[in-house]
Amino acid sequence: MKDGDVVAGPTAVQRSFRAEAAAVSDARRFAVEAWNGLCDGSGDEVNGGMPLVVSELATNAVLHAGSGFAVTLTHDDDVMRVAVADDERERPAPVDAAGSAVGGRGLRIVDLLADRWGVDDLADGKSVWVEFRLD
């Protein structure tokens, strides 16, 4: 899959992005639009924390993996799963950033905003996923 390719179905949508800073905001916008499309007519509005979670995970892909990444949203009856896959095999782990640190809080933010999150190993990298319960 190359940058910008979109794969869509009735319960899932995926788009790939380049390894560049501008892709983070593009990924966030895509995720909001995809969420609204997948929930169309169900009354479920975008989870307020989801755009920030996508930004954090996309930033990690660009900064730490140094690779392009794919964002996938999957909807079932009561859960929206958002996953960001990149080419880095090393699993991320939350760190305790110093109070004056500029970064290092991304996964702590993810942990606070998502109902559940985890990491799946892929043949060519990893996928960090988060789940949001739908109202």
N, C-alpha and C. Protein backbone atom coordinates (compact mmCIF):
# COMPACT_ATOMS: atom_id res chain seq x y z
N MET A 1 0.85 -1.17 0.00
CA MET A 1 0.00 0.00 0.00
C MET A 1 0.90 1.23 0.00
N LYS A 2 0.60 2.16 -0.89
CA LYS A 2 1.40 3.38 -0.94
C LYS A 2 0.64 4.54 -0.32
N ASP A 3 1.35 5.63 -0.08
CA ASP A 3 0.76 6.80 0.58
C ASP A 3 -0.55 7.20 -0.08
N GLY A 4 -1.54 7.41 0.76
CA GLY A 4 -2.81 7.89 0.29
C GLY A 4 -3.79 6.81 -0.14
N ASP A 5 -3.32 5.58 -0.34
CA ASP A 5 -4.23 4.51 -0.70
C ASP A 5 -5.25 4.32 0.41
N VAL A 6 -6.51 4.16 0.02
CA VAL A 6 -7.57 3.94 1.00
C VAL A 6 -8.25 2.62 0.68
N VAL A 7 -8.42 1.80 1.71
CA VAL A 7 -9.16 0.56 1.59
C VAL A 7 -10.36 0.71 2.51
N ALA A 8 -11.56 0.52 1.97
CA ALA A 8 -12.76 0.74 2.77
C ALA A 8 -13.75 -0.40 2.60
N GLY A 9 -14.50 -0.66 3.65
CA GLY A 9 -15.57 -1.63 3.64
C GLY A 9 -16.67 -1.14 4.55
N PRO A 10 -17.69 -1.94 4.76
CA PRO A 10 -18.81 -1.48 5.60
C PRO A 10 -18.45 -1.30 7.08
N THR A 11 -17.43 -2.01 7.57
CA THR A 11 -17.09 -1.90 8.99
C THR A 11 -15.64 -1.52 9.23
N ALA A 12 -14.88 -1.24 8.17
CA ALA A 12 -13.47 -0.88 8.35
C ALA A 12 -13.00 0.03 7.23
N VAL A 13 -12.01 0.85 7.56
CA VAL A 13 -11.38 1.72 6.56
C VAL A 13 -9.91 1.90 6.95
N GLN A 14 -9.05 1.96 5.93
CA GLN A 14 -7.62 2.08 6.18
C GLN A 14 -7.01 3.03 5.15
N ARG A 15 -6.03 3.80 5.61
CA ARG A 15 -5.28 4.67 4.71
C ARG A 15 -3.82 4.66 5.13
N SER A 16 -2.94 4.75 4.15
CA SER A 16 -1.50 4.79 4.42
C SER A 16 -0.99 6.23 4.31
N PHE A 17 0.12 6.47 5.02
CA PHE A 17 0.72 7.80 5.08
C PHE A 17 2.24 7.70 4.99
N ARG A 18 2.86 8.77 4.52
CA ARG A 18 4.33 8.85 4.46
C ARG A 18 4.92 9.15 5.83
N ALA A 19 6.19 8.90 5.95
CA ALA A 19 6.93 9.19 7.19
C ALA A 19 7.36 10.64 7.20
N GLU A 20 6.40 11.54 7.40
CA GLU A 20 6.71 12.96 7.46
C GLU A 20 5.77 13.63 8.45
N ALA A 21 6.25 14.72 9.03
CA ALA A 21 5.50 15.40 10.09
C ALA A 21 4.10 15.81 9.63
N ALA A 22 3.95 16.26 8.39
CA ALA A 22 2.65 16.70 7.90
C ALA A 22 1.63 15.57 7.87
N ALA A 23 2.11 14.33 7.82
CA ALA A 23 1.20 13.19 7.77
C ALA A 23 0.42 13.02 9.07
N VAL A 24 0.95 13.53 10.17
CA VAL A 24 0.28 13.39 11.47
C VAL A 24 -1.08 14.09 11.45
N SER A 25 -1.12 15.31 11.00
CA SER A 25 -2.41 16.02 10.95
C SER A 25 -3.32 15.42 9.88
N ASP A 26 -2.75 14.93 8.77
CA ASP A 26 -3.55 14.26 7.75
C ASP A 26 -4.19 12.99 8.33
N ALA A 27 -3.42 12.25 9.11
CA ALA A 27 -3.93 11.02 9.73
C ALA A 27 -5.06 11.34 10.71
N ARG A 28 -4.89 12.40 11.47
CA ARG A 28 -5.92 12.80 12.44
C ARG A 28 -7.22 13.16 11.71
N ARG A 29 -7.12 13.95 10.65
CA ARG A 29 -8.32 14.32 9.88
C ARG A 29 -8.97 13.09 9.25
N PHE A 30 -8.14 12.21 8.69
CA PHE A 30 -8.67 10.98 8.10
C PHE A 30 -9.43 10.16 9.14
N ALA A 31 -8.86 10.02 10.34
CA ALA A 31 -9.49 9.21 11.38
C ALA A 31 -10.84 9.78 11.80
N VAL A 32 -10.92 11.09 11.92
CA VAL A 32 -12.20 11.73 12.29
C VAL A 32 -13.24 11.49 11.19
N GLU A 33 -12.85 11.68 9.94
CA GLU A 33 -13.78 11.45 8.83
C GLU A 33 -14.19 9.98 8.75
N ALA A 34 -13.23 9.09 8.94
CA ALA A 34 -13.53 7.66 8.88
C ALA A 34 -14.47 7.25 10.02
N TRP A 35 -14.20 7.76 11.22
CA TRP A 35 -15.06 7.46 12.38
C TRP A 35 -16.49 7.88 12.07
N ASN A 36 -16.65 9.12 11.60
CA ASN A 36 -18.00 9.61 11.30
C ASN A 36 -18.66 8.78 10.20
N GLY A 37 -17.89 8.37 9.20
CA GLY A 37 -18.43 7.54 8.13
C GLY A 37 -18.85 6.16 8.60
N LEU A 38 -18.04 5.54 9.44
CA LEU A 38 -18.36 4.20 9.94
C LEU A 38 -19.54 4.21 10.90
N CYS A 39 -19.73 5.32 11.61
CA CYS A 39 -20.82 5.43 12.58
C CYS A 39 -22.04 6.13 11.99
N ASP A 40 -22.04 6.40 10.71
CA ASP A 40 -23.10 7.17 10.08
C ASP A 40 -24.48 6.64 10.45
N GLY A 41 -25.26 7.52 11.03
CA GLY A 41 -26.63 7.16 11.38
C GLY A 41 -26.79 6.45 12.70
N SER A 42 -25.69 6.10 13.35
CA SER A 42 -25.82 5.34 14.60
C SER A 42 -25.92 6.26 15.82
N GLY A 43 -25.66 7.54 15.64
CA GLY A 43 -25.72 8.48 16.77
C GLY A 43 -24.42 8.56 17.54
N ASP A 44 -23.42 7.77 17.16
CA ASP A 44 -22.13 7.80 17.86
C ASP A 44 -21.26 8.91 17.28
N GLU A 45 -20.91 9.87 18.10
CA GLU A 45 -20.06 10.96 17.66
C GLU A 45 -18.61 10.61 17.95
N VAL A 46 -17.70 11.29 17.28
CA VAL A 46 -16.28 11.05 17.49
C VAL A 46 -15.93 11.18 18.96
N ASN A 47 -15.24 10.18 19.46
CA ASN A 47 -14.74 10.23 20.83
C ASN A 47 -13.77 11.40 20.91
N GLY A 48 -13.96 12.27 21.91
CA GLY A 48 -13.15 13.48 22.03
C GLY A 48 -11.65 13.23 22.11
N GLY A 49 -11.24 12.09 22.65
CA GLY A 49 -9.83 11.80 22.78
C GLY A 49 -9.22 11.10 21.57
N MET A 50 -10.05 10.58 20.68
CA MET A 50 -9.54 9.79 19.57
C MET A 50 -8.59 10.58 18.66
N PRO A 51 -8.91 11.82 18.26
CA PRO A 51 -7.95 12.53 17.40
C PRO A 51 -6.57 12.72 18.05
N LEU A 52 -6.55 12.97 19.35
CA LEU A 52 -5.27 13.11 20.05
C LEU A 52 -4.52 11.78 20.08
N VAL A 53 -5.23 10.69 20.30
CA VAL A 53 -4.60 9.36 20.31
C VAL A 53 -3.98 9.07 18.94
N VAL A 54 -4.71 9.34 17.87
CA VAL A 54 -4.17 9.12 16.52
C VAL A 54 -2.93 9.99 16.31
N SER A 55 -2.97 11.23 16.75
CA SER A 55 -1.81 12.11 16.62
C SER A 55 -0.60 11.54 17.35
N GLU A 56 -0.81 11.06 18.55
CA GLU A 56 0.30 10.49 19.33
C GLU A 56 0.88 9.26 18.65
N LEU A 57 0.03 8.35 18.19
CA LEU A 57 0.52 7.12 17.56
C LEU A 57 1.17 7.40 16.21
N ALA A 58 0.61 8.32 15.44
CA ALA A 58 1.22 8.68 14.16
C ALA A 58 2.57 9.36 14.37
N THR A 59 2.64 10.23 15.37
CA THR A 59 3.91 10.89 15.69
C THR A 59 4.96 9.86 16.08
N ASN A 60 4.57 8.87 16.87
CA ASN A 60 5.51 7.81 17.24
C ASN A 60 6.02 7.07 16.01
N ALA A 61 5.13 6.80 15.05
CA ALA A 61 5.55 6.10 13.83
C ALA A 61 6.58 6.93 13.06
N VAL A 62 6.32 8.22 12.94
CA VAL A 62 7.22 9.09 12.18
C VAL A 62 8.54 9.29 12.91
N LEU A 63 8.48 9.61 14.21
CA LEU A 63 9.70 9.93 14.96
C LEU A 63 10.52 8.71 15.37
N HIS A 64 9.86 7.69 15.88
CA HIS A 64 10.58 6.55 16.44
C HIS A 64 10.80 5.42 15.44
N ALA A 65 9.79 5.13 14.62
CA ALA A 65 9.94 4.08 13.61
C ALA A 65 10.60 4.64 12.36
N GLY A 66 10.41 5.93 12.11
CA GLY A 66 10.98 6.53 10.91
C GLY A 66 10.42 5.90 9.64
N SER A 67 9.18 5.46 9.72
CA SER A 67 8.59 4.77 8.57
C SER A 67 7.24 5.37 8.23
N GLY A 68 6.78 5.03 7.04
CA GLY A 68 5.40 5.33 6.72
C GLY A 68 4.53 4.51 7.67
N PHE A 69 3.24 4.81 7.67
CA PHE A 69 2.36 4.10 8.59
C PHE A 69 0.97 4.02 7.97
N ALA A 70 0.17 3.13 8.51
CA ALA A 70 -1.22 2.97 8.07
C ALA A 70 -2.13 3.13 9.27
N VAL A 71 -3.22 3.84 9.07
CA VAL A 71 -4.24 4.01 10.11
C VAL A 71 -5.46 3.21 9.68
N THR A 72 -5.94 2.35 10.57
CA THR A 72 -7.11 1.52 10.30
C THR A 72 -8.15 1.74 11.39
N LEU A 73 -9.39 1.97 11.00
CA LEU A 73 -10.50 2.05 11.94
C LEU A 73 -11.43 0.88 11.64
N THR A 74 -11.81 0.17 12.69
CA THR A 74 -12.72 -0.96 12.58
C THR A 74 -13.85 -0.76 13.56
N HIS A 75 -15.07 -0.89 13.07
CA HIS A 75 -16.26 -0.64 13.89
C HIS A 75 -17.05 -1.94 14.06
N ASP A 76 -17.42 -2.25 15.30
CA ASP A 76 -18.41 -3.30 15.51
C ASP A 76 -19.54 -2.70 16.33
N ASP A 77 -20.40 -3.51 16.88
CA ASP A 77 -21.60 -3.00 17.53
C ASP A 77 -21.34 -1.94 18.59
N ASP A 78 -20.34 -2.15 19.43
CA ASP A 78 -20.16 -1.23 20.55
C ASP A 78 -18.73 -0.76 20.76
N VAL A 79 -17.83 -1.05 19.82
CA VAL A 79 -16.43 -0.66 19.96
C VAL A 79 -15.89 -0.16 18.62
N MET A 80 -15.12 0.93 18.69
CA MET A 80 -14.36 1.39 17.54
C MET A 80 -12.89 1.12 17.86
N ARG A 81 -12.23 0.38 16.99
CA ARG A 81 -10.80 0.12 17.16
C ARG A 81 -10.04 0.96 16.14
N VAL A 82 -9.03 1.66 16.63
CA VAL A 82 -8.17 2.48 15.80
C VAL A 82 -6.76 1.91 15.94
N ALA A 83 -6.14 1.57 14.81
CA ALA A 83 -4.80 0.99 14.84
C ALA A 83 -3.87 1.79 13.94
N VAL A 84 -2.62 1.94 14.40
CA VAL A 84 -1.58 2.58 13.61
C VAL A 84 -0.44 1.57 13.47
N ALA A 85 -0.18 1.16 12.24
CA ALA A 85 0.86 0.17 11.96
C ALA A 85 2.05 0.86 11.31
N ASP A 86 3.27 0.45 11.74
CA ASP A 86 4.48 0.99 11.13
C ASP A 86 5.49 -0.14 10.93
N ASP A 87 6.67 0.21 10.43
CA ASP A 87 7.68 -0.79 10.08
C ASP A 87 8.64 -1.15 11.20
N GLU A 88 8.49 -0.57 12.37
CA GLU A 88 9.40 -0.82 13.50
C GLU A 88 8.90 -2.04 14.29
N ARG A 89 9.78 -2.98 14.56
CA ARG A 89 9.39 -4.18 15.31
C ARG A 89 9.41 -3.95 16.82
N GLU A 90 10.21 -2.98 17.30
CA GLU A 90 10.29 -2.74 18.74
C GLU A 90 8.95 -2.24 19.26
N ARG A 91 8.49 -2.89 20.34
CA ARG A 91 7.21 -2.52 20.94
C ARG A 91 7.38 -1.27 21.80
N PRO A 92 6.45 -0.34 21.71
CA PRO A 92 6.53 0.86 22.54
C PRO A 92 6.14 0.55 23.98
N ALA A 93 6.65 1.34 24.88
CA ALA A 93 6.29 1.20 26.29
C ALA A 93 6.16 2.59 26.90
N PRO A 94 5.17 2.78 27.76
CA PRO A 94 5.04 4.09 28.42
C PRO A 94 6.28 4.40 29.25
N VAL A 95 6.66 5.66 29.29
CA VAL A 95 7.80 6.09 30.10
C VAL A 95 7.33 7.17 31.06
N ASP A 96 8.10 7.37 32.10
CA ASP A 96 7.81 8.45 33.04
C ASP A 96 8.67 9.65 32.66
N ALA A 97 8.08 10.58 31.93
CA ALA A 97 8.80 11.76 31.47
C ALA A 97 8.93 12.75 32.62
N ALA A 98 10.06 13.41 32.65
CA ALA A 98 10.28 14.46 33.65
C ALA A 98 9.28 15.59 33.41
N GLY A 99 8.94 16.30 34.46
CA GLY A 99 7.97 17.40 34.36
C GLY A 99 8.33 18.44 33.33
N SER A 100 9.61 18.67 33.10
CA SER A 100 10.05 19.68 32.15
C SER A 100 10.31 19.10 30.75
N ALA A 101 10.14 17.79 30.59
CA ALA A 101 10.42 17.16 29.29
C ALA A 101 9.42 17.62 28.24
N VAL A 102 9.90 17.79 27.02
CA VAL A 102 9.06 18.23 25.92
C VAL A 102 8.20 17.08 25.40
N GLY A 103 8.71 15.86 25.44
CA GLY A 103 7.98 14.70 24.93
C GLY A 103 8.01 13.57 25.93
N GLY A 104 7.61 12.40 25.46
CA GLY A 104 7.69 11.21 26.30
C GLY A 104 6.40 10.85 27.02
N ARG A 105 5.32 11.56 26.73
CA ARG A 105 4.06 11.28 27.43
C ARG A 105 3.01 10.62 26.54
N GLY A 106 3.34 10.36 25.29
CA GLY A 106 2.36 9.88 24.32
C GLY A 106 1.57 8.67 24.75
N LEU A 107 2.25 7.61 25.16
CA LEU A 107 1.52 6.40 25.55
C LEU A 107 0.79 6.56 26.86
N ARG A 108 1.23 7.45 27.72
CA ARG A 108 0.47 7.75 28.94
C ARG A 108 -0.85 8.43 28.56
N ILE A 109 -0.80 9.31 27.59
CA ILE A 109 -2.01 9.97 27.09
C ILE A 109 -2.95 8.93 26.48
N VAL A 110 -2.39 8.05 25.65
CA VAL A 110 -3.19 6.98 25.04
C VAL A 110 -3.88 6.16 26.13
N ASP A 111 -3.12 5.80 27.15
CA ASP A 111 -3.66 4.98 28.24
C ASP A 111 -4.81 5.68 28.96
N LEU A 112 -4.72 6.99 29.11
CA LEU A 112 -5.78 7.75 29.79
C LEU A 112 -7.04 7.90 28.94
N LEU A 113 -6.88 8.03 27.64
CA LEU A 113 -8.01 8.34 26.77
C LEU A 113 -8.73 7.13 26.18
N ALA A 114 -8.02 6.03 26.01
CA ALA A 114 -8.62 4.84 25.40
C ALA A 114 -9.20 3.92 26.47
N ASP A 115 -10.21 3.15 26.07
CA ASP A 115 -10.74 2.14 26.99
C ASP A 115 -9.79 0.97 27.13
N ARG A 116 -9.11 0.63 26.04
CA ARG A 116 -8.11 -0.44 26.03
C ARG A 116 -7.11 -0.13 24.94
N TRP A 117 -5.88 -0.63 25.09
CA TRP A 117 -4.91 -0.49 24.01
C TRP A 117 -3.90 -1.62 24.12
N GLY A 118 -3.21 -1.87 23.02
CA GLY A 118 -2.20 -2.92 23.01
C GLY A 118 -1.38 -2.84 21.73
N VAL A 119 -0.52 -3.84 21.58
CA VAL A 119 0.38 -3.88 20.43
C VAL A 119 0.34 -5.28 19.84
N ASP A 120 0.20 -5.38 18.53
CA ASP A 120 0.27 -6.65 17.81
C ASP A 120 1.53 -6.65 16.97
N ASP A 121 2.26 -7.77 17.01
CA ASP A 121 3.43 -7.92 16.15
C ASP A 121 2.95 -8.26 14.74
N LEU A 122 3.58 -7.65 13.76
CA LEU A 122 3.30 -7.93 12.35
C LEU A 122 4.55 -8.50 11.71
N ALA A 123 4.41 -9.13 10.58
CA ALA A 123 5.56 -9.71 9.88
C ALA A 123 6.61 -8.65 9.57
N ASP A 124 6.16 -7.43 9.30
CA ASP A 124 7.09 -6.37 8.91
C ASP A 124 7.01 -5.14 9.82
N GLY A 125 6.65 -5.34 11.07
CA GLY A 125 6.59 -4.22 12.01
C GLY A 125 5.64 -4.51 13.16
N LYS A 126 4.84 -3.52 13.51
CA LYS A 126 3.89 -3.67 14.62
C LYS A 126 2.67 -2.81 14.35
N SER A 127 1.62 -3.11 15.10
CA SER A 127 0.40 -2.31 15.04
C SER A 127 0.02 -1.96 16.47
N VAL A 128 -0.06 -0.68 16.77
CA VAL A 128 -0.52 -0.22 18.08
C VAL A 128 -2.00 0.10 17.91
N TRP A 129 -2.84 -0.55 18.71
CA TRP A 129 -4.28 -0.36 18.57
C TRP A 129 -4.88 0.17 19.87
N VAL A 130 -5.98 0.90 19.69
CA VAL A 130 -6.73 1.41 20.84
C VAL A 130 -8.21 1.13 20.58
N GLU A 131 -8.94 0.94 21.65
CA GLU A 131 -10.37 0.72 21.53
C GLU A 131 -11.14 1.77 22.33
N PHE A 132 -12.21 2.22 21.71
CA PHE A 132 -13.12 3.19 22.35
C PHE A 132 -14.50 2.56 22.36
N ARG A 133 -15.10 2.50 23.53
CA ARG A 133 -16.49 2.02 23.61
C ARG A 133 -17.42 3.10 23.05
N LEU A 134 -18.39 2.66 22.29
CA LEU A 134 -19.35 3.58 21.69
C LEU A 134 -20.56 3.71 22.60
N ASP A 135 -21.15 4.88 22.66
CA ASP A 135 -22.34 5.11 23.49
C ASP A 135 -23.56 4.50 22.84
